[in-house]
Amino acid sequence: MATASVAWLVSVGGLSPQEARRVTAAFALALAALRGPVAPALKRAEDVVGSVLHLATSGVEELWLISVDPGLRTTGRRRVALGGRASCAIDPVDVLRAAIEDGASGLFVLHNHPSGDPTPSDADLRFTRRLEQQSSVLGLTLHDHLVIAGARWASCVSGAAGTLATPTPSEGERDEARADDAQSTEPPEPTPQDTRTAELLPLGPPAALSVVTASREGARSHGAPIRRSAARRRS
């Protein structure tokens, strides 16, 4: 019963289409509650757009449906149409059929403009009006139809527009970044081995000269004469 379709409930169960939709929606909500934590509510356009961010860079038009419950929590998300670079054709009936399958009480629709301009076209606005009217007949609420282009978005319902905000790093992430910068700029401290090497470096004459001088000093201390070379004696 929980997986029964609207058509089955009408043809076999003897329910009216409206009753069948209510039954499937109730079961969908019950199953969603059993699956785990409640999804956050989609309260802002940025929340809705954030669930399909890949549309910002898609090279072809895609139309996506986000089905929601009365609390604006997601009950389903799917792509319902794939078009070309300049258009994407779909009938509102196909969108609403998918929303009913998701057990939705309301829906958001999104599509992208690969051209980079999120301004809704006349065709976008006509589609939105048809979808809104047919949603109302079925007891569903079209919350918004958003157009995405790059980091910008625009609403076909309210006319609002905006830009996707860049995520702000948390305080912990900022502290880690500052620590990394400090480590990369401070010179490394010398190791104990480096310190000992520096202390042994001579500060006086070069080593070879020091050895010769030491030999002469030793000869004088023992009373031995320092012999001159033959070349100097001849001179």
Protein backbone atom coordinates (compact mmCIF):
# COMPACT_ATOMS: atom_id res chain seq x y z
CA MET A 1 0.00 0.00 0.00
CA ALA A 2 2.82 2.40 0.83
CA THR A 3 4.21 2.12 -2.71
CA ALA A 4 0.88 2.14 -4.53
CA SER A 5 0.55 4.63 -7.36
CA VAL A 6 -2.26 7.11 -7.83
CA ALA A 7 -3.48 5.19 -10.88
CA TRP A 8 -3.62 1.92 -8.92
CA LEU A 9 -5.55 3.49 -6.05
CA VAL A 10 -8.07 4.91 -8.52
CA SER A 11 -8.53 1.82 -10.68
CA VAL A 12 -8.27 -0.87 -8.00
CA GLY A 13 -8.95 0.93 -4.73
CA GLY A 14 -11.92 2.89 -6.05
CA LEU A 15 -10.63 6.24 -4.78
CA SER A 16 -11.06 9.51 -6.57
CA PRO A 17 -7.90 11.04 -8.08
CA GLN A 18 -7.78 13.66 -5.32
CA GLU A 19 -8.20 11.04 -2.57
CA ALA A 20 -5.53 8.86 -4.16
CA ARG A 21 -3.06 11.76 -4.24
CA ARG A 22 -3.70 12.49 -0.58
CA VAL A 23 -3.10 8.87 0.34
CA THR A 24 0.18 8.65 -1.58
CA ALA A 25 1.32 11.98 -0.11
CA ALA A 26 0.57 10.75 3.42
CA PHE A 27 2.54 7.56 2.88
CA ALA A 28 5.43 9.48 1.34
CA LEU A 29 5.63 11.77 4.36
CA ALA A 30 5.49 8.79 6.73
CA LEU A 31 8.30 7.03 4.88
CA ALA A 32 10.38 10.20 4.85
CA ALA A 33 9.99 10.51 8.62
CA LEU A 34 11.22 6.94 9.08
CA ARG A 35 14.30 7.40 6.90
CA GLY A 36 16.20 9.64 9.29
CA PRO A 37 16.72 13.26 10.38
CA VAL A 38 14.37 15.90 9.04
CA ALA A 39 15.81 17.87 6.15
CA PRO A 40 16.28 21.62 6.70
CA ALA A 41 13.56 23.90 5.37
CA LEU A 42 14.18 25.76 2.11
CA LYS A 43 13.40 29.25 3.39
CA ARG A 44 15.37 31.35 0.90
CA ALA A 45 16.02 31.27 -2.81
CA GLU A 46 19.71 30.73 -2.03
CA ASP A 47 18.79 27.56 -0.14
CA VAL A 48 16.92 26.22 -3.15
CA VAL A 49 19.63 27.13 -5.65
CA GLY A 50 22.28 25.64 -3.38
CA SER A 51 20.78 22.17 -3.80
CA VAL A 52 21.46 22.16 -7.56
CA LEU A 53 24.63 24.26 -7.82
CA HIS A 54 25.90 22.27 -10.80
CA LEU A 55 23.34 24.13 -12.94
CA ALA A 56 25.51 27.23 -12.66
CA THR A 57 28.11 25.69 -14.97
CA SER A 58 26.04 23.30 -17.10
CA GLY A 59 26.49 23.84 -20.84
CA VAL A 60 22.91 22.82 -21.71
CA GLU A 61 19.55 23.76 -20.24
CA GLU A 62 18.24 21.46 -17.52
CA LEU A 63 14.98 21.72 -15.63
CA TRP A 64 14.92 20.40 -12.08
CA LEU A 65 12.09 19.78 -9.64
CA ILE A 66 12.42 20.06 -5.87
CA SER A 67 9.36 18.67 -4.11
CA VAL A 68 8.66 19.87 -0.57
CA ASP A 69 6.29 19.14 2.30
CA PRO A 70 4.18 21.80 4.08
CA GLY A 71 7.25 22.79 6.13
CA LEU A 72 9.28 23.39 2.93
CA ARG A 73 11.44 20.34 3.64
CA THR A 74 12.62 18.39 0.63
CA THR A 75 10.74 15.19 -0.20
CA GLY A 76 12.30 14.69 -3.61
CA ARG A 77 14.76 16.21 -6.06
CA ARG A 78 15.11 15.18 -9.69
CA ARG A 79 15.86 16.40 -13.19
CA VAL A 80 12.69 16.33 -15.25
CA ALA A 81 13.97 17.67 -18.58
CA LEU A 82 17.22 18.05 -20.51
CA GLY A 83 17.46 20.41 -23.45
CA GLY A 84 20.02 22.16 -25.61
CA ARG A 85 22.03 25.34 -25.27
CA ALA A 86 19.07 27.67 -25.78
CA SER A 87 15.89 25.83 -24.76
CA CYS A 88 14.38 22.99 -22.78
CA ALA A 89 10.89 21.74 -23.67
CA ILE A 90 8.57 20.14 -21.12
CA ASP A 91 4.87 20.12 -20.31
CA PRO A 92 3.76 21.27 -16.84
CA VAL A 93 1.84 17.99 -16.51
CA ASP A 94 5.13 16.06 -16.48
CA VAL A 95 6.49 18.25 -13.69
CA LEU A 96 3.36 17.83 -11.59
CA ARG A 97 3.29 14.08 -12.13
CA ALA A 98 6.80 13.85 -10.69
CA ALA A 99 5.85 16.09 -7.75
CA ILE A 100 2.89 13.84 -6.90
CA GLU A 101 5.14 10.79 -7.03
CA ASP A 102 7.39 12.53 -4.49
CA GLY A 103 4.42 13.08 -2.17
CA ALA A 104 4.80 16.84 -2.47
CA SER A 105 2.48 19.50 -1.14
CA GLY A 106 4.50 22.16 -2.92
CA LEU A 107 7.32 22.48 -5.40
CA PHE A 108 10.21 24.57 -6.61
CA VAL A 109 11.27 24.48 -10.25
CA LEU A 110 14.71 25.55 -11.45
CA HIS A 111 16.42 25.73 -14.80
CA ASN A 112 19.60 27.31 -16.10
CA HIS A 113 20.59 29.71 -18.87
CA PRO A 114 23.97 28.68 -20.34
CA SER A 115 24.12 32.13 -21.97
CA GLY A 116 25.05 33.62 -18.58
CA ASP A 117 21.98 35.91 -18.31
CA PRO A 118 19.44 34.80 -15.67
CA THR A 119 16.69 37.14 -16.91
CA PRO A 120 13.53 35.04 -17.47
CA SER A 121 12.44 34.86 -21.09
CA ASP A 122 8.84 35.28 -22.27
CA ALA A 123 8.66 31.50 -22.67
CA ASP A 124 9.86 31.06 -19.07
CA LEU A 125 7.14 33.35 -17.78
CA ARG A 126 4.40 31.64 -19.83
CA PHE A 127 5.51 28.22 -18.58
CA THR A 128 5.48 29.52 -15.00
CA ARG A 129 1.91 30.82 -15.30
CA ARG A 130 0.68 27.50 -16.72
CA LEU A 131 2.49 25.52 -14.05
CA GLU A 132 1.11 27.73 -11.29
CA GLN A 133 -2.47 27.38 -12.55
CA GLN A 134 -2.29 23.60 -12.95
CA SER A 135 -0.58 23.20 -9.57
CA SER A 136 -3.43 25.05 -7.90
CA VAL A 137 -5.99 22.73 -9.52
CA LEU A 138 -4.21 19.73 -7.98
CA GLY A 139 -3.90 21.33 -4.55
CA LEU A 140 -0.16 21.90 -4.92
CA THR A 141 1.72 25.16 -4.37
CA LEU A 142 4.32 26.40 -6.81
CA HIS A 143 6.64 28.24 -4.44
CA ASP A 144 9.00 29.54 -7.11
CA HIS A 145 10.54 29.03 -10.52
CA LEU A 146 14.17 30.14 -10.47
CA VAL A 147 16.53 30.74 -13.36
CA ILE A 148 20.25 30.22 -12.69
CA ALA A 149 23.13 31.61 -14.74
CA GLY A 150 26.62 31.42 -13.26
CA ALA A 151 26.57 32.95 -9.79
CA ARG A 152 23.32 34.84 -10.42
CA TRP A 153 19.67 33.83 -10.16
CA ALA A 154 16.28 35.37 -10.92
CA SER A 155 12.71 34.46 -9.95
CA CYS A 156 9.96 33.97 -12.53
CA VAL A 157 7.32 34.29 -9.77
CA SER A 158 8.32 37.33 -7.72
CA GLY A 159 10.78 39.02 -10.08
CA ALA A 160 13.45 39.00 -7.37
CA ALA A 161 17.09 38.49 -8.32
CA GLY A 162 20.32 37.91 -6.49
CA THR A 163 23.83 36.57 -6.44
CA LEU A 164 25.00 33.41 -4.77
CA ALA A 165 27.05 34.27 -1.70
CA THR A 166 30.60 32.95 -1.40
CA PRO A 167 30.86 30.61 1.59
CA THR A 168 32.45 32.35 4.60
CA PRO A 169 35.20 30.37 6.36
CA SER A 170 34.58 29.47 9.99
CA GLU A 171 36.69 30.90 12.82
CA GLY A 172 38.54 27.58 13.11
CA GLU A 173 39.38 27.62 9.40
CA ARG A 174 40.68 31.19 9.69
CA ASP A 175 42.90 30.22 12.67
CA GLU A 176 44.35 27.30 10.71
CA ALA A 177 45.05 29.56 7.74
CA ARG A 178 46.86 32.11 9.96
CA ALA A 179 48.94 29.33 11.54
CA ASP A 180 49.93 28.02 8.11
CA ASP A 181 50.97 31.52 6.99
CA ALA A 182 53.10 31.99 10.13
CA GLN A 183 54.89 28.69 9.61
CA SER A 184 55.66 29.50 5.98
CA THR A 185 57.18 32.96 6.75
CA GLU A 186 59.25 32.32 9.92
CA PRO A 187 62.83 31.06 9.29
CA PRO A 188 63.53 27.60 10.71
CA GLU A 189 65.35 27.46 14.04
CA PRO A 190 68.87 25.97 13.86
CA THR A 191 69.22 22.42 15.12
CA PRO A 192 71.70 21.61 17.96
CA GLN A 193 74.09 20.20 15.36
CA ASP A 194 74.05 23.44 13.39
CA THR A 195 74.85 25.40 16.56
CA ARG A 196 77.90 23.29 17.40
CA THR A 197 79.24 23.66 13.87
CA ALA A 198 78.95 27.42 14.07
CA GLU A 199 80.88 27.56 17.37
CA LEU A 200 83.83 25.59 15.92
CA LEU A 201 84.40 27.87 12.93
CA PRO A 202 87.80 29.73 13.30
CA LEU A 203 87.72 33.46 13.65
CA GLY A 204 91.50 34.00 13.08
CA PRO A 205 93.85 33.18 10.17
CA PRO A 206 93.09 30.42 7.70
CA ALA A 207 93.72 26.87 8.88
CA ALA A 208 96.83 26.27 6.69
CA LEU A 209 98.52 29.45 7.94
CA SER A 210 97.72 28.52 11.53
CA VAL A 211 99.45 25.14 11.09
CA VAL A 212 102.66 26.72 9.71
CA THR A 213 102.72 29.29 12.50
CA ALA A 214 102.23 26.59 15.09
CA SER A 215 105.18 24.60 13.66
CA ARG A 216 107.53 27.56 13.91
CA GLU A 217 106.40 28.34 17.42
CA GLY A 218 107.11 24.74 18.38
CA ALA A 219 110.58 24.83 16.87
CA ARG A 220 111.49 27.97 18.80
CA SER A 221 110.26 26.50 22.05
CA HIS A 222 112.62 23.48 21.63
CA GLY A 223 115.64 25.60 20.68
CA ALA A 224 115.91 24.18 17.17
CA PRO A 225 116.94 26.65 14.47
CA ILE A 226 114.60 27.29 11.64
CA ARG A 227 116.42 26.34 8.45
CA ARG A 228 116.10 28.52 5.45
CA SER A 229 115.74 27.10 1.99
CA ALA A 230 118.76 26.60 -0.27
CA ALA A 231 117.56 29.28 -2.60
CA ARG A 232 117.62 31.86 0.16
CA ARG A 233 121.15 30.81 1.35
CA ARG A 234 122.51 31.28 -2.15
CA SER A 235 121.01 34.73 -2.27
